[in-house]
Amino acid sequence: MSIIDEITRRRRSRIARLGHSMGVPIPSRRRVSLVPFGRRDGKSFYIICEVKRASPSRGVFAPGTDAVEKARHYASQGIRTLSVLTEEEHFSGSLEDIIRIKTAFPDLCVMRKDFIIDEEDLSVSFRAGADAVLLIACMHPAERLCRLHAQAVKMGLEVLFEVHDEADLQKARAVKPAITGFNSRNLASFRIDPLVPLALRGKVDWNTDAVYESGITAPEHAAVALSAGFSGMLVGEGAMRSPDLIDRIGAMQGKKWNDFWHRLYGKGKGQRPLVKVCGMTRENDARLAAELGADILGFIFAPSPRRADSSLLERLADLGVPKVGVVVQEERDDVLGESVQCLLDDGLLDAVQFHGDELPEACFRMAFPYYKAVRLGTLRDVELIGRYWCPRVLIDAFVPGKPGGTGQSISVTLIEAVRERHPLWLAGGIGTDNVGEIIRAFRPELIDASSLLEAKPGVKDEKNMRDFFRAIEKSEIVY
């Protein structure tokens, strides 16, 4: 049984024993005015902050939190919309929290976040003072969701309609909610993939406010949502644990963000893995890779026979494929090289691939967007992946003294160990002769090829490149 199924089962059992109010005295009629959800002016990005004491994945992390005082703190930071957890067993919440917050702050919008089951849940939410409710698509068949959504709207409640996968999106399409929450957390396993909201949002074909949900515990997580053009974001545990997080996210608004992640994932997954061709030094090679279907072009800005010249990026400015600068920084580094920084600032590079000994906390200070490459030699190295906060980590083979471009493959054991825990971005020893087998065996989300496509270091072989992409198309794997 999945986590959400267990939570729902236990909640139904509690309703049978205690009623929909869970023993909390609920007014017979609503006593406060309804407040609109978010900032619905069509311009402002809004942040929804959560009153939350525990979760199934983290346990109790904010015991004894006073809901009113937490709401007061959020309001002092300019937050106008709150999400209040009212589920008791797994989240240590209560309907009483909503009643107390709305009594103290009637001008704040409060959403009841719970596992809404039926119309009586909506009635109790409305009378307790909630201005909005969460409807979780995976909990209900489409017909019931339509009925619950229509009833909530009829009562004056706004609805954050939450989706996580294609099946949820199909249900949402039948409802066409005004506010859609795209949850990066899988409620069956409670694992987070920060790029799921981007992939799903790209398939929305109705007018809706898009809200990014879950996994925002640091400013760089918020940067992913900001760069992808979401209307708002819901910040839960991160805001509870870090009192200054909301101010730090607020300071990021208004900045122009490169939409690298949105360009890669905004249309959802295709029928094959993403393909990065790295080690570009010649204009003709870059244009050929783009013509053949490369999703990313890699340009090395580190000591290497494949080192690129910045003028090459200028000549390729018209090429629509995202371009990544590969850099090798030391642990003590906290500043990106001036030439690479200028290429980022001028829009000639779209992202940075850190391929050295960069510390997790330093990467975001140096560049955004970015992702980290981790060289794997042992199973212990696999643990390094989880230390980094970027949406994806590229794995490459470990060769002493050589940061990359060796043509060496990663062992099957290490690839499988990564694949069990993380989306697979794979580099190392990938070429025409083995790419089809690699795709069929491991179903990587991205493959990164360089040296095995070359006639000599830094010079791609045209026939090899064409054969490589032909082999990818023939892999016959549906993603």
Protein backbone atom coordinates (compact mmCIF):
# COMPACT_ATOMS: atom_id res chain seq x y z
CA MET A 1 0.00 0.00 0.00
CA SER A 2 1.37 3.44 -0.94
CA ILE A 3 1.88 6.18 1.64
CA ILE A 4 -1.06 8.25 0.41
CA ASP A 5 -3.32 5.19 0.36
CA GLU A 6 -2.42 4.47 3.98
CA ILE A 7 -3.01 8.08 5.03
CA THR A 8 -6.38 8.12 3.27
CA ARG A 9 -7.42 4.79 4.80
CA ARG A 10 -6.58 5.95 8.30
CA ARG A 11 -8.33 9.27 7.76
CA ARG A 12 -11.54 7.54 6.69
CA SER A 13 -11.30 5.44 9.84
CA ARG A 14 -10.91 8.56 12.01
CA ILE A 15 -13.88 10.21 10.29
CA ALA A 16 -15.97 7.15 11.09
CA ARG A 17 -15.02 7.49 14.77
CA LEU A 18 -14.84 11.26 15.27
CA GLY A 19 -16.73 12.82 12.37
CA HIS A 20 -15.37 15.17 9.70
CA SER A 21 -14.46 17.80 12.28
CA MET A 22 -12.15 15.32 14.06
CA GLY A 23 -13.65 16.40 17.36
CA VAL A 24 -12.91 20.10 16.86
CA PRO A 25 -15.91 22.40 17.53
CA ILE A 26 -16.77 23.92 14.14
CA PRO A 27 -19.07 26.97 13.85
CA SER A 28 -22.49 26.25 12.39
CA ARG A 29 -21.87 29.04 9.86
CA ARG A 30 -18.86 30.88 8.48
CA ARG A 31 -17.80 33.91 10.55
CA VAL A 32 -15.15 35.52 8.31
CA SER A 33 -15.15 36.91 4.79
CA LEU A 34 -13.61 34.99 1.92
CA VAL A 35 -10.15 36.17 0.82
CA PRO A 36 -8.80 35.54 -2.73
CA PHE A 37 -5.99 33.02 -3.18
CA GLY A 38 -2.56 34.41 -4.09
CA ARG A 39 -2.07 37.71 -5.89
CA ARG A 40 -4.40 37.37 -8.82
CA ASP A 41 -3.30 40.51 -10.66
CA GLY A 42 -1.69 38.57 -13.50
CA LYS A 43 1.72 40.09 -12.77
CA SER A 44 3.04 39.19 -9.34
CA PHE A 45 4.65 35.89 -8.47
CA TYR A 46 3.23 34.77 -5.15
CA ILE A 47 4.56 32.58 -2.35
CA ILE A 48 2.31 30.33 -0.29
CA CYS A 49 3.77 29.47 3.11
CA GLU A 50 2.82 26.49 5.18
CA VAL A 51 1.93 25.90 8.81
CA LYS A 52 3.21 22.37 9.22
CA ARG A 53 4.71 20.54 12.19
CA ALA A 54 5.48 17.09 10.77
CA SER A 55 5.40 14.91 7.65
CA PRO A 56 5.61 11.19 6.85
CA SER A 57 9.03 11.64 5.24
CA ARG A 58 10.62 13.86 7.93
CA GLY A 59 8.73 12.96 11.07
CA VAL A 60 8.08 15.70 13.62
CA PHE A 61 10.33 18.67 12.84
CA ALA A 62 8.48 21.64 14.39
CA PRO A 63 6.84 20.32 17.57
CA GLY A 64 4.79 22.77 19.58
CA THR A 65 4.63 25.37 16.81
CA ASP A 66 1.93 27.93 17.56
CA ALA A 67 -0.07 28.35 14.36
CA VAL A 68 -1.03 31.97 15.04
CA GLU A 69 2.53 33.03 15.81
CA LYS A 70 3.77 31.30 12.68
CA ALA A 71 1.09 33.07 10.63
CA ARG A 72 2.14 36.35 12.21
CA HIS A 73 5.74 35.74 11.16
CA TYR A 74 4.73 34.95 7.58
CA ALA A 75 2.50 38.04 7.40
CA SER A 76 5.43 40.19 8.57
CA GLN A 77 7.35 38.89 5.53
CA GLY A 78 4.59 39.99 3.16
CA ILE A 79 2.96 36.58 2.73
CA ARG A 80 -0.77 36.83 2.05
CA THR A 81 -1.66 33.17 1.41
CA LEU A 82 -1.11 30.36 3.89
CA SER A 83 -1.42 26.60 3.55
CA VAL A 84 -2.45 25.05 6.86
CA LEU A 85 -2.01 21.30 7.39
CA THR A 86 -5.00 19.94 9.30
CA GLU A 87 -4.30 16.18 9.11
CA GLU A 88 -3.50 15.00 12.64
CA GLU A 89 -1.77 11.63 12.59
CA HIS A 90 1.00 12.26 10.03
CA PHE A 91 1.28 16.07 10.00
CA SER A 92 0.34 17.05 13.58
CA GLY A 93 -2.27 19.50 12.29
CA SER A 94 -5.77 20.46 13.35
CA LEU A 95 -8.79 22.33 12.07
CA GLU A 96 -8.39 24.45 15.16
CA ASP A 97 -5.28 25.98 13.53
CA ILE A 98 -7.43 27.41 10.72
CA ILE A 99 -10.03 28.79 13.13
CA ARG A 100 -7.39 30.50 15.26
CA ILE A 101 -5.44 31.93 12.30
CA LYS A 102 -8.54 33.33 10.58
CA THR A 103 -9.75 34.84 13.84
CA ALA A 104 -6.41 36.57 14.34
CA PHE A 105 -5.78 37.46 10.67
CA PRO A 106 -9.08 37.63 8.74
CA ASP A 107 -7.36 39.38 5.82
CA LEU A 108 -5.03 36.46 5.11
CA CYS A 109 -6.06 33.78 2.65
CA VAL A 110 -5.92 30.36 4.30
CA MET A 111 -6.00 27.12 2.36
CA ARG A 112 -6.92 23.92 4.15
CA LYS A 113 -4.31 21.36 3.16
CA ASP A 114 -5.61 17.90 3.92
CA PHE A 115 -6.73 14.73 2.21
CA ILE A 116 -10.20 15.94 1.25
CA ILE A 117 -12.55 13.01 0.81
CA ASP A 118 -16.09 14.29 0.26
CA GLU A 119 -18.52 17.21 0.26
CA GLU A 120 -18.77 17.22 4.06
CA ASP A 121 -15.04 17.92 4.22
CA LEU A 122 -15.69 20.98 2.05
CA SER A 123 -18.52 22.17 4.30
CA VAL A 124 -16.40 21.79 7.43
CA SER A 125 -13.50 23.63 5.74
CA PHE A 126 -15.76 26.52 4.72
CA ARG A 127 -17.34 26.90 8.17
CA ALA A 128 -13.94 26.70 9.89
CA GLY A 129 -12.84 29.74 7.86
CA ALA A 130 -10.79 28.26 5.02
CA ASP A 131 -10.72 30.37 1.85
CA ALA A 132 -9.40 27.54 -0.32
CA VAL A 133 -8.93 23.79 -0.24
CA LEU A 134 -6.48 21.35 -1.75
CA LEU A 135 -7.86 18.64 -4.03
CA ILE A 136 -5.36 15.85 -4.73
CA ALA A 137 -6.02 14.33 -8.14
CA CYS A 138 -4.58 10.90 -7.41
CA MET A 139 -7.05 10.36 -4.54
CA HIS A 140 -10.19 10.39 -6.66
CA PRO A 141 -11.61 9.32 -10.01
CA ALA A 142 -12.22 12.15 -12.48
CA GLU A 143 -15.99 12.20 -11.96
CA ARG A 144 -15.68 12.71 -8.21
CA LEU A 145 -13.02 15.40 -8.67
CA CYS A 146 -15.34 17.29 -11.00
CA ARG A 147 -18.11 17.07 -8.43
CA LEU A 148 -15.92 18.16 -5.50
CA HIS A 149 -14.39 21.00 -7.49
CA ALA A 150 -17.80 22.26 -8.61
CA GLN A 151 -19.15 22.11 -5.05
CA ALA A 152 -16.15 23.98 -3.63
CA VAL A 153 -16.48 26.73 -6.24
CA LYS A 154 -20.22 26.97 -5.62
CA MET A 155 -19.50 27.57 -1.92
CA GLY A 156 -16.99 30.31 -2.77
CA LEU A 157 -13.88 28.29 -1.96
CA GLU A 158 -10.95 28.44 -4.32
CA VAL A 159 -9.29 25.16 -5.20
CA LEU A 160 -5.64 24.28 -5.60
CA PHE A 161 -5.96 21.21 -7.84
CA GLU A 162 -2.83 19.10 -7.31
CA VAL A 163 -1.26 16.91 -10.01
CA HIS A 164 1.93 14.86 -10.17
CA ASP A 165 1.75 12.68 -13.27
CA GLU A 166 0.07 12.21 -16.64
CA ALA A 167 -2.95 10.43 -15.15
CA ASP A 168 -3.52 13.36 -12.76
CA LEU A 169 -3.19 15.79 -15.64
CA GLN A 170 -5.90 14.00 -17.57
CA LYS A 171 -8.24 14.43 -14.61
CA ALA A 172 -7.32 18.11 -14.34
CA ARG A 173 -8.05 18.58 -18.03
CA ALA A 174 -11.64 17.48 -17.39
CA VAL A 175 -11.97 20.06 -14.59
CA LYS A 176 -9.86 22.91 -16.02
CA PRO A 177 -9.14 24.38 -12.56
CA ALA A 178 -8.23 28.04 -12.23
CA ILE A 179 -5.28 27.13 -9.98
CA THR A 180 -3.22 24.00 -10.62
CA GLY A 181 -0.56 22.78 -8.21
CA PHE A 182 2.28 20.80 -9.77
CA ASN A 183 3.73 18.64 -7.03
CA SER A 184 7.35 17.58 -7.32
CA ARG A 185 6.68 14.98 -4.61
CA ASN A 186 5.35 11.55 -5.50
CA LEU A 187 2.71 10.90 -2.85
CA ALA A 188 3.02 7.14 -3.31
CA SER A 189 6.71 7.10 -2.34
CA PHE A 190 7.22 10.70 -1.07
CA ARG A 191 10.31 11.00 -3.31
CA ILE A 192 10.91 14.39 -4.94
CA ASP A 193 11.84 15.16 -8.53
CA PRO A 194 12.15 18.94 -8.96
CA LEU A 195 11.66 18.78 -12.73
CA VAL A 196 8.32 16.93 -12.74
CA PRO A 197 6.35 20.20 -12.38
CA LEU A 198 8.11 21.63 -15.45
CA ALA A 199 7.36 18.59 -17.58
CA LEU A 200 3.69 18.51 -16.59
CA ARG A 201 3.09 22.24 -16.86
CA GLY A 202 4.29 22.18 -20.46
CA LYS A 203 1.31 19.94 -21.32
CA VAL A 204 -1.39 22.18 -19.85
CA ASP A 205 -3.83 23.37 -22.50
CA TRP A 206 -6.17 25.51 -20.41
CA ASN A 207 -5.75 28.86 -18.66
CA THR A 208 -4.58 28.31 -15.08
CA ASP A 209 -2.35 29.75 -12.39
CA ALA A 210 0.54 27.25 -12.15
CA VAL A 211 1.85 26.71 -8.61
CA TYR A 212 5.10 24.84 -7.98
CA GLU A 213 4.81 22.55 -4.95
CA SER A 214 7.24 20.75 -2.62
CA GLY A 215 10.98 20.45 -2.25
CA ILE A 216 11.84 24.15 -1.88
CA THR A 217 14.25 24.23 1.03
CA ALA A 218 16.87 26.61 -0.39
CA PRO A 219 16.92 29.64 -2.71
CA GLU A 220 18.32 27.64 -5.62
CA HIS A 221 15.27 25.34 -5.52
CA ALA A 222 13.08 28.43 -5.81
CA ALA A 223 15.21 29.61 -8.75
CA VAL A 224 14.06 26.57 -10.76
CA ALA A 225 10.41 27.57 -10.31
CA LEU A 226 11.12 31.24 -10.98
CA SER A 227 13.08 30.47 -14.14
CA ALA A 228 10.29 28.24 -15.47
CA GLY A 229 7.62 30.93 -15.22
CA PHE A 230 5.32 29.52 -12.53
CA SER A 231 2.67 31.83 -11.11
CA GLY A 232 3.55 30.91 -7.55
CA MET A 233 5.25 28.41 -5.28
CA LEU A 234 4.26 26.62 -2.11
CA VAL A 235 7.03 26.51 0.47
CA GLY A 236 6.40 24.10 3.31
CA GLU A 237 9.06 22.52 5.49
CA GLY A 238 11.73 24.89 4.21
CA ALA A 239 9.84 27.91 5.53
CA MET A 240 9.13 26.16 8.83
CA ARG A 241 12.79 25.26 9.37
CA SER A 242 14.48 28.42 8.00
CA PRO A 243 12.84 31.67 9.15
CA ASP A 244 14.84 33.76 6.64
CA LEU A 245 14.15 31.58 3.59
CA ILE A 246 11.13 33.58 2.43
CA ASP A 247 13.02 36.87 2.59
CA ARG A 248 15.84 35.30 0.56
CA ILE A 249 13.41 34.01 -2.06
CA GLY A 250 11.62 37.36 -2.14
CA ALA A 251 14.92 39.09 -2.92
CA MET A 252 15.26 36.88 -6.01
CA GLN A 253 12.03 38.04 -7.63
CA GLY A 254 12.32 40.42 -10.56
CA LYS A 255 15.65 38.97 -11.65
CA LYS A 256 15.94 37.71 -15.22
CA TRP A 257 16.47 33.95 -15.02
CA ASN A 258 17.74 31.73 -17.81
CA ASP A 259 15.07 29.13 -18.63
CA PHE A 260 17.51 26.26 -19.30
CA TRP A 261 15.56 23.69 -17.26
CA HIS A 262 12.26 24.72 -18.79
CA ARG A 263 13.68 24.40 -22.29
CA LEU A 264 14.82 20.85 -21.55
CA TYR A 265 11.75 19.62 -19.69
CA GLY A 266 8.94 22.03 -20.50
CA LYS A 267 7.58 19.79 -23.24
CA GLY A 268 7.79 16.61 -21.17
CA LYS A 269 9.88 13.56 -21.98
CA GLY A 270 10.24 12.59 -25.60
CA GLN A 271 10.57 9.18 -27.23
CA ARG A 272 14.29 8.94 -26.51
CA PRO A 273 16.79 10.22 -23.96
CA LEU A 274 18.05 13.76 -24.06
CA VAL A 275 21.36 13.91 -25.90
CA LYS A 276 24.31 16.12 -25.01
CA VAL A 277 27.24 16.28 -27.40
CA CYS A 278 30.27 17.66 -25.60
CA GLY A 279 33.74 18.88 -26.51
CA MET A 280 32.67 21.27 -29.27
CA THR A 281 35.54 23.28 -30.76
CA ARG A 282 34.33 23.83 -34.34
CA GLU A 283 31.31 25.67 -35.65
CA ASN A 284 30.48 23.03 -38.28
CA ASP A 285 30.45 20.26 -35.66
CA ALA A 286 28.11 22.23 -33.42
CA ARG A 287 25.71 22.98 -36.25
CA LEU A 288 25.73 19.36 -37.39
CA ALA A 289 24.95 18.13 -33.85
CA ALA A 290 22.06 20.58 -33.64
CA GLU A 291 20.77 19.47 -37.04
CA LEU A 292 20.90 15.81 -35.99
CA GLY A 293 18.86 16.49 -32.85
CA ALA A 294 21.24 17.22 -29.97
CA ASP A 295 19.41 18.68 -26.98
CA ILE A 296 22.52 20.25 -25.38
CA LEU A 297 25.91 21.26 -26.76
CA GLY A 298 28.88 21.20 -24.39
CA PHE A 299 31.84 23.59 -24.56
CA ILE A 300 34.85 22.94 -22.36
CA PHE A 301 36.47 25.86 -20.55
CA ALA A 302 39.17 23.96 -18.68
CA PRO A 303 42.65 22.67 -19.60
CA SER A 304 41.88 20.15 -22.37
CA PRO A 305 42.63 19.43 -26.03
CA ARG A 306 38.90 20.13 -26.46
CA ARG A 307 38.99 23.58 -24.91
CA ALA A 308 36.62 25.97 -26.67
CA ASP A 309 37.23 29.57 -27.64
CA SER A 310 34.68 32.17 -26.53
CA SER A 311 34.47 33.47 -30.09
CA LEU A 312 32.93 30.12 -31.09
CA LEU A 313 29.93 30.87 -28.85
CA GLU A 314 29.54 34.24 -30.51
CA ARG A 315 29.41 32.58 -33.94
CA LEU A 316 26.80 30.14 -32.67
CA ALA A 317 24.57 32.76 -31.05
CA ASP A 318 21.82 32.04 -33.59
CA LEU A 319 21.77 28.32 -32.80
CA GLY A 320 18.69 27.50 -30.70
CA VAL A 321 20.13 24.47 -28.87
CA PRO A 322 21.01 25.11 -25.18
CA LYS A 323 24.75 25.54 -24.69
CA VAL A 324 26.59 24.46 -21.54
CA GLY A 325 30.03 25.55 -20.40
CA VAL A 326 32.03 22.78 -18.73
CA VAL A 327 34.31 24.08 -15.97
CA VAL A 328 36.61 22.41 -13.44
CA GLN A 329 36.74 24.29 -10.16
CA GLU A 330 38.65 23.48 -6.99
CA GLU A 331 36.97 23.07 -3.58
CA ARG A 332 38.28 26.44 -2.44
CA ASP A 333 36.82 28.24 -5.47
CA ASP A 334 33.79 30.41 -4.89
CA VAL A 335 33.88 32.56 -8.03
CA LEU A 336 33.35 31.47 -11.61
CA GLY A 337 36.03 32.36 -14.15
CA GLU A 338 35.47 35.80 -15.65
CA SER A 339 35.26 34.60 -19.25
CA VAL A 340 32.61 31.97 -18.48
CA GLN A 341 30.68 34.43 -16.33
CA CYS A 342 30.62 36.92 -19.19
CA LEU A 343 29.34 34.25 -21.57
CA LEU A 344 26.53 33.46 -19.12
CA ASP A 345 25.70 37.11 -18.59
CA ASP A 346 25.60 37.73 -22.34
CA GLY A 347 23.32 34.74 -22.95
CA LEU A 348 25.91 32.92 -25.08
CA LEU A 349 25.95 30.10 -22.52
CA ASP A 350 22.74 28.78 -20.99
CA ALA A 351 24.14 26.80 -18.07
CA VAL A 352 27.31 25.57 -16.39
CA GLN A 353 28.43 21.98 -15.86
CA PHE A 354 30.69 21.81 -12.81
CA HIS A 355 33.07 18.92 -13.40
CA GLY A 356 35.64 19.41 -10.65
CA ASP A 357 35.73 19.32 -6.85
CA GLU A 358 33.12 22.03 -6.32
CA LEU A 359 31.39 22.07 -2.94
CA PRO A 360 27.58 21.78 -2.98
CA GLU A 361 27.06 25.08 -1.19
CA ALA A 362 29.36 26.94 -3.61
CA CYS A 363 27.79 25.94 -6.92
CA PHE A 364 24.69 28.14 -6.77
CA ARG A 365 26.76 31.11 -5.63
CA MET A 366 28.89 30.73 -8.74
CA ALA A 367 26.26 30.07 -11.40
CA PHE A 368 22.63 29.43 -12.23
CA PRO A 369 21.47 27.42 -14.05
CA TYR A 370 24.02 24.70 -13.36
CA TYR A 371 24.30 20.99 -12.78
CA LYS A 372 27.09 18.93 -11.23
CA ALA A 373 29.07 16.09 -12.77
CA VAL A 374 30.24 13.44 -10.31
CA ARG A 375 32.93 10.94 -11.27
CA LEU A 376 32.17 7.47 -9.95
CA GLY A 377 34.81 4.92 -9.04
CA THR A 378 33.21 3.13 -6.08
CA LEU A 379 29.79 2.70 -4.51
CA ARG A 380 30.82 5.26 -1.90
CA ASP A 381 31.01 7.86 -4.67
CA VAL A 382 27.30 7.31 -5.40
CA GLU A 383 26.53 8.91 -2.04
CA LEU A 384 28.06 12.16 -3.30
CA ILE A 385 25.17 12.66 -5.71
CA GLY A 386 22.67 13.32 -2.93
CA ARG A 387 24.81 16.12 -1.51
CA TYR A 388 24.13 18.40 -4.47
CA TRP A 389 20.98 20.53 -4.72
CA CYS A 390 20.75 20.90 -8.50
CA PRO A 391 17.81 19.18 -10.27
CA ARG A 392 20.09 16.71 -12.05
CA VAL A 393 23.58 15.29 -11.53
CA LEU A 394 25.59 13.86 -14.42
CA ILE A 395 27.64 10.74 -13.64
CA ASP A 396 30.95 10.10 -15.39
CA ALA A 397 33.73 7.54 -15.03
CA PHE A 398 36.51 8.17 -12.52
CA VAL A 399 39.99 8.16 -14.04
CA PRO A 400 42.78 9.41 -11.73
CA GLY A 401 44.08 12.81 -12.77
CA LYS A 402 41.57 13.26 -15.60
CA PRO A 403 38.28 15.09 -14.93
CA GLY A 404 36.58 13.88 -18.13
CA GLY A 405 36.74 13.09 -21.83
CA THR A 406 38.51 9.76 -21.22
CA GLY A 407 36.16 7.47 -23.15
CA GLN A 408 36.02 5.19 -20.11
CA SER A 409 32.68 3.60 -19.14
CA ILE A 410 31.11 3.38 -15.69
CA SER A 411 30.59 -0.12 -14.31
CA VAL A 412 27.09 -1.60 -14.57
CA THR A 413 26.99 -1.97 -10.76
CA LEU A 414 27.51 1.75 -10.25
CA ILE A 415 25.00 2.73 -12.94
CA GLU A 416 22.36 0.49 -11.37
CA ALA A 417 23.09 1.93 -7.92
CA VAL A 418 22.51 5.44 -9.24
CA ARG A 419 19.42 4.48 -11.21
CA GLU A 420 17.73 3.11 -8.08
CA ARG A 421 17.91 6.53 -6.40
CA HIS A 422 18.16 9.26 -9.03
CA PRO A 423 17.16 10.12 -12.61
CA LEU A 424 20.02 8.89 -14.76
CA TRP A 425 22.20 11.40 -16.59
CA LEU A 426 25.01 9.27 -18.00
CA ALA A 427 28.42 10.06 -19.50
CA GLY A 428 31.55 8.02 -20.07
CA GLY A 429 32.42 5.76 -22.96
CA ILE A 430 29.21 6.29 -24.94
CA GLY A 431 29.50 5.99 -28.71
CA THR A 432 27.87 4.64 -31.83
CA ASP A 433 28.69 0.98 -31.10
CA ASN A 434 27.07 0.87 -27.63
CA VAL A 435 24.53 3.68 -27.37
CA GLY A 436 21.56 1.52 -28.37
CA GLU A 437 22.48 -1.15 -25.84
CA ILE A 438 22.95 1.48 -23.12
CA ILE A 439 19.55 3.01 -23.80
CA ARG A 440 17.80 -0.37 -23.75
CA ALA A 441 19.58 -1.56 -20.61
CA PHE A 442 19.42 1.56 -18.44
CA ARG A 443 16.82 3.89 -19.97
CA PRO A 444 18.89 6.99 -19.13
CA GLU A 445 17.17 10.35 -19.07
CA LEU A 446 20.23 11.95 -20.70
CA ILE A 447 23.30 10.59 -22.46
CA ASP A 448 26.49 12.62 -22.87
CA ALA A 449 28.92 11.70 -25.63
CA SER A 450 32.21 13.29 -26.63
CA SER A 451 35.48 11.47 -27.33
CA LEU A 452 33.99 8.40 -29.07
CA LEU A 453 32.41 10.68 -31.69
CA GLU A 454 35.74 12.22 -32.68
CA ALA A 455 38.19 11.84 -35.53
CA LYS A 456 40.75 13.36 -33.16
CA PRO A 457 40.46 15.34 -29.90
CA GLY A 458 38.17 18.33 -30.44
CA VAL A 459 37.23 17.33 -34.00
CA LYS A 460 34.01 15.39 -34.52
CA ASP A 461 33.69 12.74 -37.23
CA GLU A 462 30.65 13.50 -39.40
CA LYS A 463 29.82 9.89 -40.31
CA ASN A 464 30.24 8.79 -36.70
CA MET A 465 27.92 11.55 -35.54
CA ARG A 466 25.24 10.62 -38.06
CA ASP A 467 25.51 6.93 -37.17
CA PHE A 468 25.33 7.79 -33.47
CA PHE A 469 22.01 9.62 -33.77
CA ARG A 470 20.69 6.92 -36.12
CA ALA A 471 21.49 4.30 -33.48
CA ILE A 472 19.63 6.33 -30.85
CA GLU A 473 16.53 6.53 -33.02
CA LYS A 474 16.67 2.75 -33.59
CA SER A 475 16.89 1.92 -29.89
CA GLU A 476 13.11 1.30 -29.91
CA ILE A 477 12.52 2.41 -26.35
CA VAL A 478 9.39 4.42 -25.53
CA TYR A 479 9.99 6.80 -22.61
